[in-house]
Each structure stands twice: as C-alpha cells, then as structure tokens.
C-alpha cells in the first residue's frame, strides 16, 4: 500500500472512521502510522491502594460480590 493513499482505503477503515480521523488530522496511511496516543497507560502491573503516589495514575484490580437480596430475578435494580 502506498503511504500517501487516503486513510479510507486502509483495510478496516471505512468512510465514517476516515472522517473522524480526518478531524484529528489523519488523512493518509502515513499519518495513521505516525499518529500516537496522548499518553500510554501500562496496565500489566497493579498497585496496592496505599503504595501509590496521590498524583500518579495507577491501575487497580477489584472484585465485587453481592451478599444479600433476592436471587434469580435476572434484573438489576
């Protein structure tokens, strides 16, 4: 594929996605390759709640359980 080809002709990108990318300044396949995210969040490791810095972003893992109420309704209330 030619790097100067319009982004719409990259496999998996249709007219609507190409329009949205165009608003972000991505108009060619080369622009798409060079388009980088604003920030990168590494979600491979988790931090304990008390060990992190308050000004630093961190990934946490939690489990929620339900220990009461009616069961079997199949609907959220």
PDB file of N, CA and C in Angstrom:
ATOM      1  N   UNK A   1       0.837  -1.182   0.000  1.00  0.00           N
ATOM      2  CA  UNK A   1       0.000   0.000   0.000  1.00  0.00           C
ATOM      3  C   UNK A   1       0.880   1.243   0.000  1.00  0.00           C
ATOM      4  N   UNK A   2       0.486   2.208  -0.759  1.00  0.00           N
ATOM      5  CA  UNK A   2       1.179   3.487  -0.837  1.00  0.00           C
ATOM      6  C   UNK A   2       0.914   4.278   0.437  1.00  0.00           C
ATOM      7  N   UNK A   3       1.957   4.815   1.057  1.00  0.00           N
ATOM      8  CA  UNK A   3       1.791   5.571   2.300  1.00  0.00           C
ATOM      9  C   UNK A   3       1.039   6.881   2.108  1.00  0.00           C
ATOM     10  N   UNK A   4       0.976   7.364   0.883  1.00  0.00           N
ATOM     11  CA  UNK A   4       0.257   8.609   0.611  1.00  0.00           C
ATOM     12  C   UNK A   4      -1.211   8.362   0.262  1.00  0.00           C
ATOM     13  N   UNK A   5      -1.622   7.095   0.259  1.00  0.00           N
ATOM     14  CA  UNK A   5      -3.013   6.752  -0.047  1.00  0.00           C
ATOM     15  C   UNK A   5      -3.926   7.291   1.049  1.00  0.00           C
ATOM     16  N   UNK A   6      -5.138   7.693   0.687  1.00  0.00           N
ATOM     17  CA  UNK A   6      -6.080   8.164   1.699  1.00  0.00           C
ATOM     18  C   UNK A   6      -6.347   7.088   2.748  1.00  0.00           C
ATOM     19  N   UNK A   7      -6.514   7.520   3.988  1.00  0.00           N
ATOM     20  CA  UNK A   7      -6.687   6.610   5.110  1.00  0.00           C
ATOM     21  C   UNK A   7      -7.934   5.736   4.948  1.00  0.00           C
ATOM     22  N   UNK A   8      -8.906   6.189   4.190  1.00  0.00           N
ATOM     23  CA  UNK A   8     -10.143   5.435   3.978  1.00  0.00           C
ATOM     24  C   UNK A   8      -9.874   4.086   3.314  1.00  0.00           C
ATOM     25  N   UNK A   9      -8.810   3.971   2.554  1.00  0.00           N
ATOM     26  CA  UNK A   9      -8.532   2.754   1.813  1.00  0.00           C
ATOM     27  C   UNK A   9      -7.656   1.776   2.586  1.00  0.00           C
ATOM     28  N   UNK A  10      -7.342   2.080   3.837  1.00  0.00           N
ATOM     29  CA  UNK A  10      -6.658   1.116   4.702  1.00  0.00           C
ATOM     30  C   UNK A  10      -7.701   0.094   5.145  1.00  0.00           C
ATOM     31  N   UNK A  11      -7.340  -1.186   5.119  1.00  0.00           N
ATOM     32  CA  UNK A  11      -8.291  -2.241   5.464  1.00  0.00           C
ATOM     33  C   UNK A  11      -8.825  -2.025   6.879  1.00  0.00           C
ATOM     34  N   UNK A  12     -10.139  -2.067   7.021  1.00  0.00           N
ATOM     35  CA  UNK A  12     -10.788  -1.904   8.315  1.00  0.00           C
ATOM     36  C   UNK A  12     -11.240  -0.488   8.615  1.00  0.00           C
ATOM     37  N   UNK A  13     -10.914   0.452   7.740  1.00  0.00           N
ATOM     38  CA  UNK A  13     -11.330   1.846   7.946  1.00  0.00           C
ATOM     39  C   UNK A  13     -12.276   2.238   6.828  1.00  0.00           C
ATOM     40  N   UNK A  14     -13.483   2.565   7.199  1.00  0.00           N
ATOM     41  CA  UNK A  14     -14.484   2.959   6.228  1.00  0.00           C
ATOM     42  C   UNK A  14     -14.642   4.468   6.176  1.00  0.00           C
ATOM     43  N   UNK A  15     -15.665   4.940   5.467  1.00  0.00           N
ATOM     44  CA  UNK A  15     -15.866   6.376   5.302  1.00  0.00           C
ATOM     45  C   UNK A  15     -16.108   7.117   6.615  1.00  0.00           C
ATOM     46  N   UNK A  16     -16.874   6.531   7.528  1.00  0.00           N
ATOM     47  CA  UNK A  16     -17.172   7.224   8.786  1.00  0.00           C
ATOM     48  C   UNK A  16     -15.928   7.347   9.656  1.00  0.00           C
ATOM     49  N   UNK A  17     -15.165   6.270   9.776  1.00  0.00           N
ATOM     50  CA  UNK A  17     -13.943   6.306  10.574  1.00  0.00           C
ATOM     51  C   UNK A  17     -12.921   7.234   9.938  1.00  0.00           C
ATOM     52  N   UNK A  18     -12.858   7.248   8.604  1.00  0.00           N
ATOM     53  CA  UNK A  18     -11.930   8.132   7.905  1.00  0.00           C
ATOM     54  C   UNK A  18     -12.280   9.592   8.170  1.00  0.00           C
ATOM     55  N   UNK A  19     -13.562   9.891   8.246  1.00  0.00           N
ATOM     56  CA  UNK A  19     -13.986  11.263   8.534  1.00  0.00           C
ATOM     57  C   UNK A  19     -13.577  11.661   9.957  1.00  0.00           C
ATOM     58  N   UNK A  20     -13.773  10.745  10.917  1.00  0.00           N
ATOM     59  CA  UNK A  20     -13.383  11.028  12.299  1.00  0.00           C
ATOM     60  C   UNK A  20     -11.865  11.206  12.412  1.00  0.00           C
ATOM     61  N   UNK A  21     -11.107  10.365  11.711  1.00  0.00           N
ATOM     62  CA  UNK A  21      -9.652  10.505  11.728  1.00  0.00           C
ATOM     63  C   UNK A  21      -9.218  11.801  11.055  1.00  0.00           C
ATOM     64  N   UNK A  22      -9.926  12.198  10.006  1.00  0.00           N
ATOM     65  CA  UNK A  22      -9.613  13.443   9.316  1.00  0.00           C
ATOM     66  C   UNK A  22      -9.741  14.653  10.226  1.00  0.00           C
ATOM     67  N   UNK A  23     -10.710  14.625  11.124  1.00  0.00           N
ATOM     68  CA  UNK A  23     -10.880  15.725  12.085  1.00  0.00           C
ATOM     69  C   UNK A  23      -9.702  15.800  13.050  1.00  0.00           C
ATOM     70  N   UNK A  24      -9.021  14.657  13.254  1.00  0.00           N
ATOM     71  CA  UNK A  24      -7.840  14.621  14.116  1.00  0.00           C
ATOM     72  C   UNK A  24      -6.558  14.884  13.326  1.00  0.00           C
ATOM     73  N   UNK A  25      -6.685  15.172  12.028  1.00  0.00           N
ATOM     74  CA  UNK A  25      -5.525  15.477  11.196  1.00  0.00           C
ATOM     75  C   UNK A  25      -4.889  14.270  10.533  1.00  0.00           C
ATOM     76  N   UNK A  26      -5.556  13.121  10.587  1.00  0.00           N
ATOM     77  CA  UNK A  26      -5.033  11.898   9.972  1.00  0.00           C
ATOM     78  C   UNK A  26      -5.733  11.715   8.628  1.00  0.00           C
ATOM     79  N   UNK A  27      -5.021  11.992   7.532  1.00  0.00           N
ATOM     80  CA  UNK A  27      -5.645  11.915   6.209  1.00  0.00           C
ATOM     81  C   UNK A  27      -5.002  10.875   5.291  1.00  0.00           C
ATOM     82  N   UNK A  28      -3.780  10.421   5.627  1.00  0.00           N
ATOM     83  CA  UNK A  28      -3.118   9.421   4.782  1.00  0.00           C
ATOM     84  C   UNK A  28      -2.709   8.226   5.634  1.00  0.00           C
ATOM     85  N   UNK A  29      -2.312   7.146   4.953  1.00  0.00           N
ATOM     86  CA  UNK A  29      -1.858   5.948   5.661  1.00  0.00           C
ATOM     87  C   UNK A  29      -0.610   6.269   6.488  1.00  0.00           C
ATOM     88  N   UNK A  30       0.244   7.128   5.980  1.00  0.00           N
ATOM     89  CA  UNK A  30       1.435   7.547   6.719  1.00  0.00           C
ATOM     90  C   UNK A  30       1.053   8.288   7.996  1.00  0.00           C
ATOM     91  N   UNK A  31       0.075   9.179   7.906  1.00  0.00           N
ATOM     92  CA  UNK A  31      -0.401   9.896   9.092  1.00  0.00           C
ATOM     93  C   UNK A  31      -0.917   8.920  10.142  1.00  0.00           C
ATOM     94  N   UNK A  32      -1.589   7.868   9.687  1.00  0.00           N
ATOM     95  CA  UNK A  32      -2.129   6.871  10.610  1.00  0.00           C
ATOM     96  C   UNK A  32      -1.006   6.139  11.332  1.00  0.00           C
ATOM     97  N   UNK A  33       0.069   5.811  10.625  1.00  0.00           N
ATOM     98  CA  UNK A  33       1.208   5.135  11.247  1.00  0.00           C
ATOM     99  C   UNK A  33       1.918   6.023  12.261  1.00  0.00           C
ATOM    100  N   UNK A  34       1.919   7.316  12.014  1.00  0.00           N
ATOM    101  CA  UNK A  34       2.635   8.247  12.887  1.00  0.00           C
ATOM    102  C   UNK A  34       1.747   8.860  13.964  1.00  0.00           C
ATOM    103  N   UNK A  35       0.473   8.526  13.959  1.00  0.00           N
ATOM    104  CA  UNK A  35      -0.464   9.065  14.955  1.00  0.00           C
ATOM    105  C   UNK A  35      -0.261   8.328  16.273  1.00  0.00           C
ATOM    106  N   UNK A  36       0.180   9.029  17.301  1.00  0.00           N
ATOM    107  CA  UNK A  36       0.486   8.423  18.589  1.00  0.00           C
ATOM    108  C   UNK A  36      -0.544   8.838  19.630  1.00  0.00           C
ATOM    109  N   UNK A  37      -0.796   7.987  20.607  1.00  0.00           N
ATOM    110  CA  UNK A  37      -1.756   8.350  21.655  1.00  0.00           C
ATOM    111  C   UNK A  37      -1.216   9.488  22.524  1.00  0.00           C
ATOM    112  N   UNK A  38      -2.137  10.191  23.200  1.00  0.00           N
ATOM    113  CA  UNK A  38      -1.737  11.297  24.056  1.00  0.00           C
ATOM    114  C   UNK A  38      -0.877  10.795  25.219  1.00  0.00           C
ATOM    115  N   UNK A  39      -1.238   9.641  25.769  1.00  0.00           N
ATOM    116  CA  UNK A  39      -0.452   9.040  26.847  1.00  0.00           C
ATOM    117  C   UNK A  39      -0.597   7.526  26.759  1.00  0.00           C
ATOM    118  N   UNK A  40       0.329   6.849  27.387  1.00  0.00           N
ATOM    119  CA  UNK A  40       0.317   5.395  27.392  1.00  0.00           C
ATOM    120  C   UNK A  40       0.149   4.939  28.834  1.00  0.00           C
ATOM    121  N   UNK A  41      -0.817   4.084  29.081  1.00  0.00           N
ATOM    122  CA  UNK A  41      -1.041   3.555  30.417  1.00  0.00           C
ATOM    123  C   UNK A  41      -0.677   2.077  30.416  1.00  0.00           C
ATOM    124  N   UNK A  42       0.344   1.724  31.181  1.00  0.00           N
ATOM    125  CA  UNK A  42       0.780   0.340  31.288  1.00  0.00           C
ATOM    126  C   UNK A  42      -0.133  -0.366  32.281  1.00  0.00           C
ATOM    127  N   UNK A  43      -0.959  -1.279  31.802  1.00  0.00           N
ATOM    128  CA  UNK A  43      -1.918  -1.977  32.651  1.00  0.00           C
ATOM    129  C   UNK A  43      -1.480  -3.405  32.963  1.00  0.00           C
ATOM    130  N   UNK A  44      -0.181  -3.695  32.784  1.00  0.00           N
ATOM    131  CA  UNK A  44       0.313  -5.031  33.068  1.00  0.00           C
ATOM    132  C   UNK A  44       0.538  -5.270  34.551  1.00  0.00           C
ATOM    133  N   UNK A  45       0.812  -4.220  35.311  1.00  0.00           N
ATOM    134  CA  UNK A  45       1.050  -4.403  36.743  1.00  0.00           C
ATOM    135  C   UNK A  45       0.061  -3.540  37.530  1.00  0.00           C
ATOM    136  N   UNK A  46      -0.295  -4.027  38.713  1.00  0.00           N
ATOM    137  CA  UNK A  46      -1.268  -3.343  39.550  1.00  0.00           C
ATOM    138  C   UNK A  46      -0.581  -2.814  40.806  1.00  0.00           C
ATOM    139  N   UNK A  47      -1.080  -1.683  41.303  1.00  0.00           N
ATOM    140  CA  UNK A  47      -0.532  -1.085  42.517  1.00  0.00           C
ATOM    141  C   UNK A  47      -1.498  -1.291  43.673  1.00  0.00           C
ATOM    142  N   UNK A  48      -0.951  -1.466  44.841  1.00  0.00           N
ATOM    143  CA  UNK A  48      -1.789  -1.543  46.042  1.00  0.00           C
ATOM    144  C   UNK A  48      -2.293  -0.141  46.360  1.00  0.00           C
ATOM    145  N   UNK A  49      -3.465  -0.063  46.985  1.00  0.00           N
ATOM    146  CA  UNK A  49      -4.089   1.228  47.256  1.00  0.00           C
ATOM    147  C   UNK A  49      -3.248   2.180  48.072  1.00  0.00           C
ATOM    148  N   UNK A  50      -2.498   1.683  49.047  1.00  0.00           N
ATOM    149  CA  UNK A  50      -1.738   2.566  49.919  1.00  0.00           C
ATOM    150  C   UNK A  50      -0.318   2.816  49.436  1.00  0.00           C
ATOM    151  N   UNK A  51       0.125   2.128  48.402  1.00  0.00           N
ATOM    152  CA  UNK A  51       1.522   2.261  47.990  1.00  0.00           C
ATOM    153  C   UNK A  51       1.738   3.290  46.887  1.00  0.00           C
ATOM    154  N   UNK A  52       0.681   3.840  46.332  1.00  0.00           N
ATOM    155  CA  UNK A  52       0.837   4.751  45.209  1.00  0.00           C
ATOM    156  C   UNK A  52       0.948   6.202  45.618  1.00  0.00           C
ATOM    157  N   UNK A  53       1.473   6.983  44.734  1.00  0.00           N
ATOM    158  CA  UNK A  53       1.545   8.419  44.915  1.00  0.00           C
ATOM    159  C   UNK A  53       0.191   9.003  44.527  1.00  0.00           C
ATOM    160  N   UNK A  54      -0.308   9.955  45.277  1.00  0.00           N
ATOM    161  CA  UNK A  54      -1.634  10.526  45.023  1.00  0.00           C
ATOM    162  C   UNK A  54      -1.706  11.236  43.677  1.00  0.00           C
ATOM    163  N   UNK A  55      -0.594  11.691  43.140  1.00  0.00           N
ATOM    164  CA  UNK A  55      -0.587  12.423  41.866  1.00  0.00           C
ATOM    165  C   UNK A  55      -0.249  11.537  40.672  1.00  0.00           C
ATOM    166  N   UNK A  56      -0.065  10.261  40.907  1.00  0.00           N
ATOM    167  CA  UNK A  56       0.325   9.351  39.831  1.00  0.00           C
ATOM    168  C   UNK A  56      -0.823   8.412  39.492  1.00  0.00           C
ATOM    169  N   UNK A  57      -1.066   8.221  38.208  1.00  0.00           N
ATOM    170  CA  UNK A  57      -2.114   7.290  37.776  1.00  0.00           C
ATOM    171  C   UNK A  57      -1.657   5.867  38.048  1.00  0.00           C
ATOM    172  N   UNK A  58      -2.600   5.016  38.449  1.00  0.00           N
ATOM    173  CA  UNK A  58      -2.277   3.625  38.732  1.00  0.00           C
ATOM    174  C   UNK A  58      -3.448   2.748  38.343  1.00  0.00           C
ATOM    175  N   UNK A  59      -3.155   1.502  37.983  1.00  0.00           N
ATOM    176  CA  UNK A  59      -4.191   0.519  37.689  1.00  0.00           C
ATOM    177  C   UNK A  59      -4.457  -0.281  38.954  1.00  0.00           C
ATOM    178  N   UNK A  60      -5.711  -0.522  39.225  1.00  0.00           N
ATOM    179  CA  UNK A  60      -6.059  -1.345  40.382  1.00  0.00           C
ATOM    180  C   UNK A  60      -6.995  -2.456  39.939  1.00  0.00           C
ATOM    181  N   UNK A  61      -7.068  -3.502  40.730  1.00  0.00           N
ATOM    182  CA  UNK A  61      -7.919  -4.635  40.434  1.00  0.00           C
ATOM    183  C   UNK A  61      -8.834  -4.856  41.626  1.00  0.00           C
ATOM    184  N   UNK A  62     -10.127  -5.028  41.391  1.00  0.00           N
ATOM    185  CA  UNK A  62     -11.078  -5.233  42.483  1.00  0.00           C
ATOM    186  C   UNK A  62     -12.113  -6.266  42.074  1.00  0.00           C
ATOM    187  N   UNK A  63     -12.695  -6.916  43.072  1.00  0.00           N
ATOM    188  CA  UNK A  63     -13.764  -7.880  42.824  1.00  0.00           C
ATOM    189  C   UNK A  63     -14.981  -7.435  43.636  1.00  0.00           C
ATOM    190  N   UNK A  64     -16.151  -7.489  43.034  1.00  0.00           N
ATOM    191  CA  UNK A  64     -17.380  -7.103  43.720  1.00  0.00           C
ATOM    192  C   UNK A  64     -18.245  -8.340  43.916  1.00  0.00           C
ATOM    193  N   UNK A  65     -18.816  -8.455  45.098  1.00  0.00           N
ATOM    194  CA  UNK A  65     -19.710  -9.574  45.368  1.00  0.00           C
ATOM    195  C   UNK A  65     -21.016  -9.048  45.929  1.00  0.00           C
ATOM    196  N   UNK A  66     -22.046  -9.819  45.794  1.00  0.00           N
ATOM    197  CA  UNK A  66     -23.366  -9.462  46.300  1.00  0.00           C
ATOM    198  C   UNK A  66     -23.708 -10.454  47.395  1.00  0.00           C
ATOM    199  N   UNK A  67     -24.054  -9.964  48.572  1.00  0.00           N
ATOM    200  CA  UNK A  67     -24.267 -10.883  49.688  1.00  0.00           C
ATOM    201  C   UNK A  67     -25.660 -10.780  50.284  1.00  0.00           C
ATOM    202  N   UNK A  68     -26.618 -10.336  49.505  1.00  0.00           N
ATOM    203  CA  UNK A  68     -27.956 -10.257  50.066  1.00  0.00           C
ATOM    204  C   UNK A  68     -28.984  -9.979  49.000  1.00  0.00           C
ATOM    205  N   UNK A  69     -30.205  -9.848  49.401  1.00  0.00           N
ATOM    206  CA  UNK A  69     -31.266  -9.545  48.460  1.00  0.00           C
ATOM    207  C   UNK A  69     -31.831 -10.787  47.813  1.00  0.00           C
ATOM    208  N   UNK A  70     -32.715 -10.573  46.878  1.00  0.00           N
ATOM    209  CA  UNK A  70     -33.357 -11.692  46.183  1.00  0.00           C
ATOM    210  C   UNK A  70     -32.458 -12.196  45.072  1.00  0.00           C
ATOM    211  N   UNK A  71     -32.499 -13.465  44.832  1.00  0.00           N
ATOM    212  CA  UNK A  71     -31.704 -14.022  43.749  1.00  0.00           C
ATOM    213  C   UNK A  71     -32.631 -14.579  42.685  1.00  0.00           C
ATOM    214  N   UNK A  72     -32.128 -14.693  41.504  1.00  0.00           N
ATOM    215  CA  UNK A  72     -32.903 -15.288  40.428  1.00  0.00           C
ATOM    216  C   UNK A  72     -33.783 -14.343  39.641  1.00  0.00           C
ATOM    217  N   UNK A  73     -33.770 -13.055  39.975  1.00  0.00           N
ATOM    218  CA  UNK A  73     -34.626 -12.129  39.233  1.00  0.00           C
ATOM    219  C   UNK A  73     -34.048 -11.840  37.862  1.00  0.00           C
ATOM    220  N   UNK A  74     -32.718 -11.876  37.731  1.00  0.00           N
ATOM    221  CA  UNK A  74     -32.086 -11.645  36.439  1.00  0.00           C
ATOM    222  C   UNK A  74     -32.069 -10.186  36.010  1.00  0.00           C
ATOM    223  N   UNK A  75     -32.487  -9.279  36.870  1.00  0.00           N
ATOM    224  CA  UNK A  75     -32.512  -7.859  36.511  1.00  0.00           C
ATOM    225  C   UNK A  75     -31.788  -7.053  37.570  1.00  0.00           C
ATOM    226  N   UNK A  76     -31.158  -5.987  37.135  1.00  0.00           N
ATOM    227  CA  UNK A  76     -30.552  -5.043  38.069  1.00  0.00           C
ATOM    228  C   UNK A  76     -31.611  -4.076  38.541  1.00  0.00           C
ATOM    229  N   UNK A  77     -31.502  -3.661  39.718  1.00  0.00           N
ATOM    230  CA  UNK A  77     -32.477  -2.699  40.273  1.00  0.00           C
ATOM    231  C   UNK A  77     -31.812  -1.424  40.611  1.00  0.00           C
TER     232      UNK A  77
END
